[in-house]
C-alpha atoms as a PDB file:
ATOM      1  CA  MET A   1      17.342  19.502   7.872  1.00  0.00           C
ATOM      2  CA  ALA A   2      16.611  20.006   4.186  1.00  0.00           C
ATOM      3  CA  SER A   3      15.542  16.402   3.728  1.00  0.00           C
ATOM      4  CA  SER A   4      13.168  16.693   6.693  1.00  0.00           C
ATOM      5  CA  SER A   5      11.498  19.761   5.205  1.00  0.00           C
ATOM      6  CA  LEU A   6      11.192  17.961   1.855  1.00  0.00           C
ATOM      7  CA  ILE A   7       9.520  15.023   3.588  1.00  0.00           C
ATOM      8  CA  ILE A   8       7.087  17.359   5.346  1.00  0.00           C
ATOM      9  CA  LEU A   9       6.369  19.166   2.074  1.00  0.00           C
ATOM     10  CA  GLY A  10       5.680  15.819   0.394  1.00  0.00           C
ATOM     11  CA  LEU A  11       3.367  14.820   3.235  1.00  0.00           C
ATOM     12  CA  ARG A  12       1.510  18.134   2.939  1.00  0.00           C
ATOM     13  CA  ALA A  13       1.082  17.697  -0.811  1.00  0.00           C
ATOM     14  CA  ALA A  14      -0.275  14.179  -0.309  1.00  0.00           C
ATOM     15  CA  GLN A  15      -2.576  15.364   2.490  1.00  0.00           C
ATOM     16  CA  LEU A  16      -3.977  18.091   0.281  1.00  0.00           C
ATOM     17  CA  PHE A  17      -4.349  15.794  -2.733  1.00  0.00           C
ATOM     18  CA  PHE A  18      -6.185  13.086  -0.794  1.00  0.00           C
ATOM     19  CA  ALA A  19      -8.358  15.677   0.967  1.00  0.00           C
ATOM     20  CA  PHE A  20      -9.695  16.750  -2.426  1.00  0.00           C
ATOM     21  CA  ILE A  21     -10.273  13.123  -3.386  1.00  0.00           C
ATOM     22  CA  ILE A  22     -12.167  12.429  -0.157  1.00  0.00           C
ATOM     23  CA  MET A  23     -14.149  15.627  -0.592  1.00  0.00           C
ATOM     24  CA  ALA A  24     -15.206  14.610  -4.107  1.00  0.00           C
ATOM     25  CA  LEU A  25     -16.103  11.047  -3.106  1.00  0.00           C
ATOM     26  CA  THR A  26     -18.085  11.975  -0.014  1.00  0.00           C
ATOM     27  CA  ALA A  27     -19.825  14.853  -1.803  1.00  0.00           C
ATOM     28  CA  TYR A  28     -20.903  12.383  -4.486  1.00  0.00           C
ATOM     29  CA  VAL A  29     -22.304   9.976  -1.886  1.00  0.00           C
ATOM     30  CA  ALA A  30     -24.001  12.777   0.067  1.00  0.00           C
ATOM     31  CA  HIS A  31     -25.531  14.163  -3.129  1.00  0.00           C
ATOM     32  CA  TRP A  32     -26.851  10.710  -4.043  1.00  0.00           C
ATOM     33  CA  TYR A  33     -28.479  10.326  -0.632  1.00  0.00           C
ATOM     34  CA  ASN A  34     -29.996  13.808  -0.688  1.00  0.00           C
ATOM     35  CA  VAL A  35     -31.323  13.620  -4.272  1.00  0.00           C
ATOM     36  CA  ASP A  36     -32.055   9.975  -5.073  1.00  0.00           C
ATOM     37  CA  THR A  37     -33.299   8.639  -1.734  1.00  0.00           C
ATOM     38  CA  LEU A  38     -35.887   9.683   0.818  1.00  0.00           C
ATOM     39  CA  THR A  39     -33.313   9.929   3.600  1.00  0.00           C
ATOM     40  CA  SER A  40     -30.643  12.494   4.208  1.00  0.00           C
ATOM     41  CA  SER A  41     -26.990  11.569   3.895  1.00  0.00           C
ATOM     42  CA  PRO A  42     -25.492   9.667   6.832  1.00  0.00           C
ATOM     43  CA  SER A  43     -23.603  11.628   9.441  1.00  0.00           C
ATOM     44  CA  GLN A  44     -20.513   9.511   8.764  1.00  0.00           C
ATOM     45  CA  ILE A  45     -20.383  10.763   5.185  1.00  0.00           C
ATOM     46  CA  ASN A  46     -21.042  14.327   6.318  1.00  0.00           C
ATOM     47  CA  TRP A  47     -18.267  14.034   8.901  1.00  0.00           C
ATOM     48  CA  LEU A  48     -15.656  12.940   6.358  1.00  0.00           C
ATOM     49  CA  LEU A  49     -16.796  15.746   4.055  1.00  0.00           C
ATOM     50  CA  ALA A  50     -16.349  18.304   6.842  1.00  0.00           C
ATOM     51  CA  VAL A  51     -12.991  16.829   7.863  1.00  0.00           C
ATOM     52  CA  SER A  52     -11.682  17.153   4.321  1.00  0.00           C
ATOM     53  CA  VAL A  53     -12.540  20.874   4.402  1.00  0.00           C
ATOM     54  CA  ILE A  54     -10.811  21.204   7.798  1.00  0.00           C
ATOM     55  CA  ASN A  55      -7.838  19.354   6.301  1.00  0.00           C
ATOM     56  CA  ILE A  56      -7.504  21.840   3.448  1.00  0.00           C
ATOM     57  CA  ILE A  57      -7.680  24.810   5.828  1.00  0.00           C
ATOM     58  CA  SER A  58      -5.120  23.153   8.139  1.00  0.00           C
ATOM     59  CA  VAL A  59      -2.636  22.492   5.343  1.00  0.00           C
ATOM     60  CA  ILE A  60      -2.942  26.096   4.171  1.00  0.00           C
ATOM     61  CA  TYR A  61      -2.342  27.355   7.718  1.00  0.00           C
ATOM     62  CA  LEU A  62       0.546  24.973   8.413  1.00  0.00           C
ATOM     63  CA  GLU A  63       2.381  25.799   5.192  1.00  0.00           C
ATOM     64  CA  MET A  64       1.587  29.469   4.610  1.00  0.00           C
ATOM     65  CA  THR A  65       1.626  30.943   8.111  1.00  0.00           C
ATOM     66  CA  PRO A  66       5.299  30.273   8.968  1.00  0.00           C
ATOM     67  CA  ARG A  67       6.346  31.707   5.596  1.00  0.00           C
ATOM     68  CA  PHE A  68       4.127  34.774   5.292  1.00  0.00           C
ATOM     69  CA  ALA A  69       2.935  35.566   8.838  1.00  0.00           C
ATOM     70  CA  PRO A  70       5.449  34.090  11.306  1.00  0.00           C
ATOM     71  CA  LYS A  71       3.960  36.039  14.223  1.00  0.00           C
ATOM     72  CA  LEU A  72       0.740  34.052  13.801  1.00  0.00           C
ATOM     73  CA  SER A  73       2.595  30.736  13.739  1.00  0.00           C
ATOM     74  CA  HIS A  74       3.031  28.825  16.971  1.00  0.00           C
ATOM     75  CA  PRO A  75       4.333  25.274  17.484  1.00  0.00           C
ATOM     76  CA  ILE A  76       1.566  24.340  19.931  1.00  0.00           C
ATOM     77  CA  VAL A  77      -1.127  25.355  17.426  1.00  0.00           C
ATOM     78  CA  ALA A  78       0.658  23.472  14.653  1.00  0.00           C
ATOM     79  CA  MET A  79       0.999  20.373  16.807  1.00  0.00           C
ATOM     80  CA  ALA A  80      -2.670  20.594  17.830  1.00  0.00           C
ATOM     81  CA  LEU A  81      -3.738  20.836  14.181  1.00  0.00           C
ATOM     82  CA  GLU A  82      -1.620  17.819  13.277  1.00  0.00           C
ATOM     83  CA  VAL A  83      -3.056  15.673  16.074  1.00  0.00           C
ATOM     84  CA  LEU A  84      -6.647  16.866  15.586  1.00  0.00           C
ATOM     85  CA  ASN A  85      -6.585  16.094  11.877  1.00  0.00           C
ATOM     86  CA  ALA A  86      -5.248  12.615  12.617  1.00  0.00           C
ATOM     87  CA  LEU A  87      -7.973  12.036  15.216  1.00  0.00           C
ATOM     88  CA  PHE A  88     -10.699  13.432  12.949  1.00  0.00           C
ATOM     89  CA  TYR A  89      -9.717  11.112  10.118  1.00  0.00           C
ATOM     90  CA  PHE A  90      -9.424   8.157  12.486  1.00  0.00           C
ATOM     91  CA  ALA A  91     -12.937   8.768  13.796  1.00  0.00           C
ATOM     92  CA  GLY A  92     -14.261   9.392  10.296  1.00  0.00           C
ATOM     93  CA  PHE A  93     -12.944   6.347   8.512  1.00  0.00           C
ATOM     94  CA  ILE A  94     -13.768   4.018  11.417  1.00  0.00           C
ATOM     95  CA  ALA A  95     -17.332   5.353  11.680  1.00  0.00           C
ATOM     96  CA  LEU A  96     -17.895   5.060   7.929  1.00  0.00           C
ATOM     97  CA  ALA A  97     -16.424   1.538   7.877  1.00  0.00           C
ATOM     98  CA  VAL A  98     -18.799   0.453  10.651  1.00  0.00           C
ATOM     99  CA  PHE A  99     -21.717   2.078   8.821  1.00  0.00           C
ATOM    100  CA  MET A 100     -20.782   0.318   5.583  1.00  0.00           C
ATOM    101  CA  SER A 101     -20.470  -3.055   7.337  1.00  0.00           C
ATOM    102  CA  ARG A 102     -24.043  -2.795   8.617  1.00  0.00           C
ATOM    103  CA  LEU A 103     -25.637  -2.100   5.233  1.00  0.00           C
ATOM    104  CA  LEU A 104     -27.908  -4.848   3.941  1.00  0.00           C
ATOM    105  CA  PHE A 105     -26.678  -4.367   0.381  1.00  0.00           C
ATOM    106  CA  CYS A 106     -24.028  -2.242  -1.248  1.00  0.00           C
ATOM    107  CA  ARG A 107     -23.879  -2.001  -5.037  1.00  0.00           C
ATOM    108  CA  GLY A 108     -22.983   0.447  -7.697  1.00  0.00           C
ATOM    109  CA  SER A 109     -20.823   3.490  -7.981  1.00  0.00           C
ATOM    110  CA  VAL A 110     -22.178   5.093  -4.802  1.00  0.00           C
ATOM    111  CA  CYS A 111     -21.139   2.089  -2.756  1.00  0.00           C
ATOM    112  CA  GLY A 112     -17.735   2.065  -4.429  1.00  0.00           C
ATOM    113  CA  ALA A 113     -17.291   5.766  -3.672  1.00  0.00           C
ATOM    114  CA  ALA A 114     -18.169   5.216  -0.018  1.00  0.00           C
ATOM    115  CA  GLN A 115     -15.753   2.277   0.213  1.00  0.00           C
ATOM    116  CA  ALA A 116     -13.028   4.362  -1.433  1.00  0.00           C
ATOM    117  CA  SER A 117     -13.719   7.121   1.105  1.00  0.00           C
ATOM    118  CA  VAL A 118     -12.975   4.648   3.892  1.00  0.00           C
ATOM    119  CA  ALA A 119      -9.697   3.630   2.266  1.00  0.00           C
ATOM    120  CA  PHE A 120      -8.567   7.188   1.546  1.00  0.00           C
ATOM    121  CA  GLY A 121      -9.628   8.237   5.064  1.00  0.00           C
ATOM    122  CA  ALA A 122      -7.393   5.536   6.521  1.00  0.00           C
ATOM    123  CA  PHE A 123      -4.533   6.708   4.329  1.00  0.00           C
ATOM    124  CA  GLU A 124      -5.088  10.329   5.418  1.00  0.00           C
ATOM    125  CA  PHE A 125      -4.992   9.166   9.035  1.00  0.00           C
ATOM    126  CA  ALA A 126      -1.607   7.580   8.382  1.00  0.00           C
ATOM    127  CA  LEU A 127      -0.309  10.739   6.665  1.00  0.00           C
ATOM    128  CA  TRP A 128      -1.449  13.040   9.479  1.00  0.00           C
ATOM    129  CA  THR A 129      -0.024  10.672  12.094  1.00  0.00           C
ATOM    130  CA  ALA A 130       3.340  10.680  10.302  1.00  0.00           C
ATOM    131  CA  SER A 131       3.434  14.469  10.056  1.00  0.00           C
ATOM    132  CA  ALA A 132       2.390  14.761  13.726  1.00  0.00           C
ATOM    133  CA  VAL A 133       5.309  12.519  14.683  1.00  0.00           C
ATOM    134  CA  PHE A 134       7.707  14.721  12.688  1.00  0.00           C
ATOM    135  CA  MET A 135       6.255  17.858  14.271  1.00  0.00           C
ATOM    136  CA  GLY A 136       6.459  16.356  17.755  1.00  0.00           C
ATOM    137  CA  LYS A 137      10.064  15.353  17.159  1.00  0.00           C
ATOM    138  CA  ASP A 138      10.952  18.894  16.074  1.00  0.00           C
ATOM    139  CA  VAL A 139       9.157  20.485  19.017  1.00  0.00           C
ATOM    140  CA  CYS A 140      10.822  18.131  21.514  1.00  0.00           C
ATOM    141  CA  LYS A 141      14.233  18.556  19.919  1.00  0.00           C
ATOM    142  CA  GLN A 142      14.121  22.327  20.265  1.00  0.00           C
ATOM    143  CA  GLY A 143      12.550  22.222  23.694  1.00  0.00           C
ATOM    144  CA  LEU A 144       9.015  23.416  24.180  1.00  0.00           C
ATOM    145  CA  LEU A 145       9.831  26.041  26.780  1.00  0.00           C
ATOM    146  CA  LYS A 146      12.438  27.632  24.542  1.00  0.00           C
ATOM    147  CA  PHE A 147      10.302  27.156  21.447  1.00  0.00           C
ATOM    148  CA  GLN A 148       7.186  28.667  22.967  1.00  0.00           C
ATOM    149  CA  PHE A 149       6.458  32.228  21.851  1.00  0.00           C
ATOM    150  CA  ARG A 150       9.797  32.404  20.055  1.00  0.00           C
ATOM    151  CA  ARG A 151       9.891  34.137  16.710  1.00  0.00           C
ATOM    152  CA  PRO A 152      12.603  33.997  14.060  1.00  0.00           C
ATOM    153  CA  GLY A 153      15.127  36.743  14.684  1.00  0.00           C
ATOM    154  CA  ALA A 154      13.742  37.586  18.117  1.00  0.00           C
ATOM    155  CA  LYS A 155      16.043  38.048  21.093  1.00  0.00           C
ATOM    156  CA  ASP A 156      16.200  35.332  23.706  1.00  0.00           C
ATOM    157  CA  SER A 157      13.850  36.304  26.543  1.00  0.00           C
ATOM    158  CA  THR A 158      16.154  34.714  29.138  1.00  0.00           C
ATOM    159  CA  GLU A 159      18.872  37.305  28.555  1.00  0.00           C
ATOM    160  CA  ALA A 160      19.277  39.878  31.302  1.00  0.00           C
ATOM    161  CA  PRO A 161      18.393  43.395  30.235  1.00  0.00           C
ATOM    162  CA  ALA A 162      21.249  45.788  29.685  1.00  0.00           C
ATOM    163  CA  MET A 163      22.199  47.792  32.767  1.00  0.00           C
ATOM    164  CA  LYS A 164      21.395  51.469  32.758  1.00  0.00           C
ATOM    165  CA  GLU A 165      23.167  54.002  34.803  1.00  0.00           C
ATOM    166  CA  ALA A 166      20.957  55.604  37.354  1.00  0.00           C
ATOM    167  CA  SER A 167      20.298  59.240  36.662  1.00  0.00           C
ATOM    168  CA  GLN A 168      21.742  61.423  39.313  1.00  0.00           C
ATOM    169  CA  ALA A 169      19.218  63.649  40.897  1.00  0.00           C
ATOM    170  CA  ALA A 170      20.533  67.039  41.841  1.00  0.00           C
END
């Protein structure tokens, strides 16, 4: 159990670290497009920039909510965040890779930053997929019906209520 939580913590740290890297790289490319060219930045770059922000918010929610606000934490929401982040990164790095493959020329630091964004996006996809698998394993192991709406220290809702004696009316 402790090793599993250490693995998840390591995955979260890597997810957060690479989200900041992707944010910096895509912001650099978007800034170059918006300042140095006559066209606005491509939607693929903007998408990866937005996904990195969503990633940071997701990691904060997934790590802080169970510790500091357990009533706001729910396994279905956590699982949905894991899967959505994986899908968002998959869509983002594939779309940017296709965009990059159709460019007539690609030179300089801006091109290198965009190519690095594709690589880091693929790595983020792998990290979010791995953490989603761990989360899914934990949810299935505990049983979703028992896990749902269950809080630490709460009584089991399947227990029968204590019997009360009927008051005797006079």
